[in-house]
Amino acid sequence: MQSRDQLTDDLAPSYTDRSIHSDIPRPVSTGIRAAAVVAAWLVPGAGHLVLGRIGRGALFFLVITGAFITGLAIQGRLYWPTVADPPSLLHYDLITVLWTFAQIGSGLCYLGSYVMGFGTTPHPEAATYEYGNTFTFLAGLLNYLVVLDAFDIGAGRKR
């Protein structure tokens, strides 16, 4: 005769059976997760494409790349740390370092634009200068969140 606990266990659904619970997120291998994170930083949304989330990846690409390009189109500036005068924390202007960190989050959008010289000449007299800067900052910061989202999907923490 079976005990009461054994009978209950036999009737309870098995939570390790993935066929019953197909909506439970599954982690991917560490290599694929690392590739997704690097791809997500380099090209906004590419990490989601690596993980098979095509719609989400395309949406992130359009929104983040669009915001970055819009920022440059309305006279936004790309920042790069320079030695401060007078020298301050670590001999760099701290605000410029923070702005650079925010913009570098856009990955190849930032690196390609900087290498080609787009947005490297400031135009503070332009009426849209600060708006352009804000668009490029937000594009980079949003992409950092997209990178974290790709990591969480790869780790099986979310769908």
C-alpha atoms as a PDB file:
ATOM      1  CA  MET A   1       0.000   0.000   0.000  1.00  0.00           C
ATOM      2  CA  GLN A   2       1.287   3.462  -0.886  1.00  0.00           C
ATOM      3  CA  SER A   3       1.580   6.233   1.632  1.00  0.00           C
ATOM      4  CA  ARG A   4      -0.420   9.436   1.304  1.00  0.00           C
ATOM      5  CA  ASP A   5       2.684  11.429   0.203  1.00  0.00           C
ATOM      6  CA  GLN A   6       3.463   8.941  -2.571  1.00  0.00           C
ATOM      7  CA  LEU A   7      -0.091   9.161  -3.895  1.00  0.00           C
ATOM      8  CA  THR A   8       0.062  12.965  -3.890  1.00  0.00           C
ATOM      9  CA  ASP A   9       3.407  12.897  -5.714  1.00  0.00           C
ATOM     10  CA  ASP A  10       1.995  10.589  -8.374  1.00  0.00           C
ATOM     11  CA  LEU A  11      -0.928  12.934  -9.046  1.00  0.00           C
ATOM     12  CA  ALA A  12       1.110  16.156  -9.052  1.00  0.00           C
ATOM     13  CA  PRO A  13       2.405  17.347 -12.440  1.00  0.00           C
ATOM     14  CA  SER A  14       6.097  16.969 -13.054  1.00  0.00           C
ATOM     15  CA  TYR A  15       7.681  20.416 -13.250  1.00  0.00           C
ATOM     16  CA  THR A  16      10.792  19.021 -14.860  1.00  0.00           C
ATOM     17  CA  ASP A  17       8.832  17.781 -17.877  1.00  0.00           C
ATOM     18  CA  ARG A  18       9.302  20.547 -20.473  1.00  0.00           C
ATOM     19  CA  SER A  19       6.614  19.178 -22.791  1.00  0.00           C
ATOM     20  CA  ILE A  20       3.909  20.040 -20.265  1.00  0.00           C
ATOM     21  CA  HIS A  21       5.364  23.448 -19.447  1.00  0.00           C
ATOM     22  CA  SER A  22       6.716  24.659 -22.774  1.00  0.00           C
ATOM     23  CA  ASP A  23       6.348  28.302 -21.748  1.00  0.00           C
ATOM     24  CA  ILE A  24       9.054  27.993 -19.080  1.00  0.00           C
ATOM     25  CA  PRO A  25      12.163  29.865 -20.314  1.00  0.00           C
ATOM     26  CA  ARG A  26      15.207  27.684 -20.907  1.00  0.00           C
ATOM     27  CA  PRO A  27      18.785  28.858 -20.476  1.00  0.00           C
ATOM     28  CA  VAL A  28      21.117  28.634 -23.448  1.00  0.00           C
ATOM     29  CA  SER A  29      24.770  27.642 -23.361  1.00  0.00           C
ATOM     30  CA  THR A  30      27.326  30.070 -21.989  1.00  0.00           C
ATOM     31  CA  GLY A  31      28.917  30.532 -25.414  1.00  0.00           C
ATOM     32  CA  ILE A  32      25.643  31.496 -27.073  1.00  0.00           C
ATOM     33  CA  ARG A  33      24.794  33.778 -24.158  1.00  0.00           C
ATOM     34  CA  ALA A  34      28.191  35.522 -24.452  1.00  0.00           C
ATOM     35  CA  ALA A  35      27.765  35.877 -28.222  1.00  0.00           C
ATOM     36  CA  ALA A  36      24.295  37.350 -27.679  1.00  0.00           C
ATOM     37  CA  VAL A  37      25.595  39.899 -25.166  1.00  0.00           C
ATOM     38  CA  VAL A  38      28.485  41.015 -27.390  1.00  0.00           C
ATOM     39  CA  ALA A  39      26.224  41.154 -30.450  1.00  0.00           C
ATOM     40  CA  ALA A  40      23.630  43.135 -28.480  1.00  0.00           C
ATOM     41  CA  TRP A  41      26.213  45.752 -27.556  1.00  0.00           C
ATOM     42  CA  LEU A  42      27.759  46.015 -31.020  1.00  0.00           C
ATOM     43  CA  VAL A  43      24.476  46.202 -32.944  1.00  0.00           C
ATOM     44  CA  PRO A  44      21.327  47.105 -31.015  1.00  0.00           C
ATOM     45  CA  GLY A  45      18.915  44.165 -31.139  1.00  0.00           C
ATOM     46  CA  ALA A  46      21.403  41.680 -32.609  1.00  0.00           C
ATOM     47  CA  GLY A  47      21.615  39.757 -29.339  1.00  0.00           C
ATOM     48  CA  HIS A  48      17.916  39.038 -29.537  1.00  0.00           C
ATOM     49  CA  LEU A  49      18.362  37.819 -33.119  1.00  0.00           C
ATOM     50  CA  VAL A  50      21.066  35.413 -31.889  1.00  0.00           C
ATOM     51  CA  LEU A  51      18.583  34.102 -29.310  1.00  0.00           C
ATOM     52  CA  GLY A  52      15.821  33.715 -31.905  1.00  0.00           C
ATOM     53  CA  ARG A  53      13.729  36.716 -30.821  1.00  0.00           C
ATOM     54  CA  ILE A  54      13.499  38.267 -34.287  1.00  0.00           C
ATOM     55  CA  GLY A  55      10.606  40.672 -33.708  1.00  0.00           C
ATOM     56  CA  ARG A  56      12.026  42.047 -30.488  1.00  0.00           C
ATOM     57  CA  GLY A  57      15.503  42.365 -32.023  1.00  0.00           C
ATOM     58  CA  ALA A  58      14.196  44.235 -35.062  1.00  0.00           C
ATOM     59  CA  LEU A  59      12.199  46.606 -32.866  1.00  0.00           C
ATOM     60  CA  PHE A  60      15.200  47.374 -30.656  1.00  0.00           C
ATOM     61  CA  PHE A  61      17.395  47.927 -33.718  1.00  0.00           C
ATOM     62  CA  LEU A  62      14.958  50.377 -35.287  1.00  0.00           C
ATOM     63  CA  VAL A  63      14.301  52.353 -32.105  1.00  0.00           C
ATOM     64  CA  ILE A  64      17.870  52.628 -30.798  1.00  0.00           C
ATOM     65  CA  THR A  65      19.607  53.127 -34.141  1.00  0.00           C
ATOM     66  CA  GLY A  66      16.883  55.563 -35.172  1.00  0.00           C
ATOM     67  CA  ALA A  67      17.349  57.586 -31.985  1.00  0.00           C
ATOM     68  CA  PHE A  68      21.120  57.675 -32.466  1.00  0.00           C
ATOM     69  CA  ILE A  69      20.912  58.737 -36.123  1.00  0.00           C
ATOM     70  CA  THR A  70      18.260  61.323 -35.276  1.00  0.00           C
ATOM     71  CA  GLY A  71      20.548  62.740 -32.590  1.00  0.00           C
ATOM     72  CA  LEU A  72      23.393  63.137 -35.070  1.00  0.00           C
ATOM     73  CA  ALA A  73      21.062  64.553 -37.727  1.00  0.00           C
ATOM     74  CA  ILE A  74      19.923  67.356 -35.416  1.00  0.00           C
ATOM     75  CA  GLN A  75      23.499  68.453 -34.678  1.00  0.00           C
ATOM     76  CA  GLY A  76      24.240  66.229 -31.672  1.00  0.00           C
ATOM     77  CA  ARG A  77      27.868  65.773 -30.695  1.00  0.00           C
ATOM     78  CA  LEU A  78      29.839  62.597 -30.049  1.00  0.00           C
ATOM     79  CA  TYR A  79      31.961  62.866 -26.929  1.00  0.00           C
ATOM     80  CA  TRP A  80      35.387  61.420 -26.240  1.00  0.00           C
ATOM     81  CA  PRO A  81      37.323  61.958 -22.990  1.00  0.00           C
ATOM     82  CA  THR A  82      39.977  64.640 -23.188  1.00  0.00           C
ATOM     83  CA  VAL A  83      42.415  65.919 -20.612  1.00  0.00           C
ATOM     84  CA  ALA A  84      40.694  68.537 -18.482  1.00  0.00           C
ATOM     85  CA  ASP A  85      42.129  71.973 -17.903  1.00  0.00           C
ATOM     86  CA  PRO A  86      42.936  72.176 -15.017  1.00  0.00           C
ATOM     87  CA  PRO A  87      43.427  68.418 -14.559  1.00  0.00           C
ATOM     88  CA  SER A  88      40.688  66.859 -12.450  1.00  0.00           C
ATOM     89  CA  LEU A  89      39.773  63.315 -11.445  1.00  0.00           C
ATOM     90  CA  LEU A  90      42.218  61.030 -13.281  1.00  0.00           C
ATOM     91  CA  HIS A  91      43.129  64.001 -15.510  1.00  0.00           C
ATOM     92  CA  TYR A  92      39.876  63.684 -17.441  1.00  0.00           C
ATOM     93  CA  ASP A  93      36.763  65.793 -17.401  1.00  0.00           C
ATOM     94  CA  LEU A  94      34.332  63.584 -15.443  1.00  0.00           C
ATOM     95  CA  ILE A  95      31.196  64.790 -17.237  1.00  0.00           C
ATOM     96  CA  THR A  96      32.736  64.047 -20.621  1.00  0.00           C
ATOM     97  CA  VAL A  97      33.698  60.554 -19.432  1.00  0.00           C
ATOM     98  CA  LEU A  98      30.109  59.897 -18.323  1.00  0.00           C
ATOM     99  CA  TRP A  99      28.672  61.221 -21.595  1.00  0.00           C
ATOM    100  CA  THR A 100      31.129  59.087 -23.548  1.00  0.00           C
ATOM    101  CA  PHE A 101      30.133  56.015 -21.520  1.00  0.00           C
ATOM    102  CA  ALA A 102      26.476  56.692 -22.293  1.00  0.00           C
ATOM    103  CA  GLN A 103      27.094  57.135 -26.025  1.00  0.00           C
ATOM    104  CA  ILE A 104      29.457  54.148 -26.358  1.00  0.00           C
ATOM    105  CA  GLY A 105      26.502  52.011 -25.312  1.00  0.00           C
ATOM    106  CA  SER A 106      25.296  52.364 -28.908  1.00  0.00           C
ATOM    107  CA  GLY A 107      28.154  50.109 -30.025  1.00  0.00           C
ATOM    108  CA  LEU A 108      29.043  50.265 -33.693  1.00  0.00           C
ATOM    109  CA  CYS A 109      26.705  53.220 -34.226  1.00  0.00           C
ATOM    110  CA  TYR A 110      28.984  55.288 -31.997  1.00  0.00           C
ATOM    111  CA  LEU A 111      32.299  53.763 -33.095  1.00  0.00           C
ATOM    112  CA  GLY A 112      31.506  53.988 -36.809  1.00  0.00           C
ATOM    113  CA  SER A 113      30.228  57.544 -36.549  1.00  0.00           C
ATOM    114  CA  TYR A 114      33.243  58.631 -34.530  1.00  0.00           C
ATOM    115  CA  VAL A 115      35.739  57.045 -36.938  1.00  0.00           C
ATOM    116  CA  MET A 116      33.976  58.631 -39.939  1.00  0.00           C
ATOM    117  CA  GLY A 117      33.896  62.011 -38.228  1.00  0.00           C
ATOM    118  CA  PHE A 118      30.130  62.393 -37.865  1.00  0.00           C
ATOM    119  CA  GLY A 119      29.215  64.455 -34.831  1.00  0.00           C
ATOM    120  CA  THR A 120      32.793  65.141 -33.774  1.00  0.00           C
ATOM    121  CA  THR A 121      32.552  68.891 -34.357  1.00  0.00           C
ATOM    122  CA  PRO A 122      30.328  70.525 -31.738  1.00  0.00           C
ATOM    123  CA  HIS A 123      27.683  73.004 -32.875  1.00  0.00           C
ATOM    124  CA  PRO A 124      26.461  74.542 -29.604  1.00  0.00           C
ATOM    125  CA  GLU A 125      24.967  77.472 -31.519  1.00  0.00           C
ATOM    126  CA  ALA A 126      22.472  75.129 -33.204  1.00  0.00           C
ATOM    127  CA  ALA A 127      19.018  75.275 -31.649  1.00  0.00           C
ATOM    128  CA  THR A 128      18.798  71.474 -31.590  1.00  0.00           C
ATOM    129  CA  TYR A 129      22.304  70.792 -30.220  1.00  0.00           C
ATOM    130  CA  GLU A 130      21.208  69.684 -26.739  1.00  0.00           C
ATOM    131  CA  TYR A 131      18.324  67.656 -28.137  1.00  0.00           C
ATOM    132  CA  GLY A 132      20.739  65.839 -30.427  1.00  0.00           C
ATOM    133  CA  ASN A 133      23.066  65.097 -27.529  1.00  0.00           C
ATOM    134  CA  THR A 134      20.157  63.782 -25.485  1.00  0.00           C
ATOM    135  CA  PHE A 135      19.048  61.474 -28.295  1.00  0.00           C
ATOM    136  CA  THR A 136      22.532  59.966 -28.612  1.00  0.00           C
ATOM    137  CA  PHE A 137      22.903  59.564 -24.819  1.00  0.00           C
ATOM    138  CA  LEU A 138      19.535  57.873 -24.494  1.00  0.00           C
ATOM    139  CA  ALA A 139      20.217  55.563 -27.435  1.00  0.00           C
ATOM    140  CA  GLY A 140      23.366  54.314 -25.708  1.00  0.00           C
ATOM    141  CA  LEU A 141      21.727  53.950 -22.307  1.00  0.00           C
ATOM    142  CA  LEU A 142      18.755  52.117 -23.811  1.00  0.00           C
ATOM    143  CA  ASN A 143      21.114  49.728 -25.546  1.00  0.00           C
ATOM    144  CA  TYR A 144      22.726  48.884 -22.195  1.00  0.00           C
ATOM    145  CA  LEU A 145      19.259  47.815 -21.028  1.00  0.00           C
ATOM    146  CA  VAL A 146      18.803  45.775 -24.214  1.00  0.00           C
ATOM    147  CA  VAL A 147      22.129  44.028 -23.525  1.00  0.00           C
ATOM    148  CA  LEU A 148      20.911  43.121 -20.031  1.00  0.00           C
ATOM    149  CA  ASP A 149      17.616  41.908 -21.502  1.00  0.00           C
ATOM    150  CA  ALA A 150      19.475  39.646 -23.944  1.00  0.00           C
ATOM    151  CA  PHE A 151      21.533  38.262 -21.053  1.00  0.00           C
ATOM    152  CA  ASP A 152      18.416  37.555 -18.993  1.00  0.00           C
ATOM    153  CA  ILE A 153      16.740  35.770 -21.906  1.00  0.00           C
ATOM    154  CA  GLY A 154      19.892  33.730 -22.503  1.00  0.00           C
ATOM    155  CA  ALA A 155      20.101  32.833 -18.808  1.00  0.00           C
ATOM    156  CA  GLY A 156      16.489  31.625 -18.853  1.00  0.00           C
ATOM    157  CA  ARG A 157      15.245  34.305 -16.469  1.00  0.00           C
ATOM    158  CA  LYS A 158      12.658  35.695 -18.856  1.00  0.00           C
ATOM    159  CA  ARG A 159      10.964  34.908 -22.140  1.00  0.00           C
END
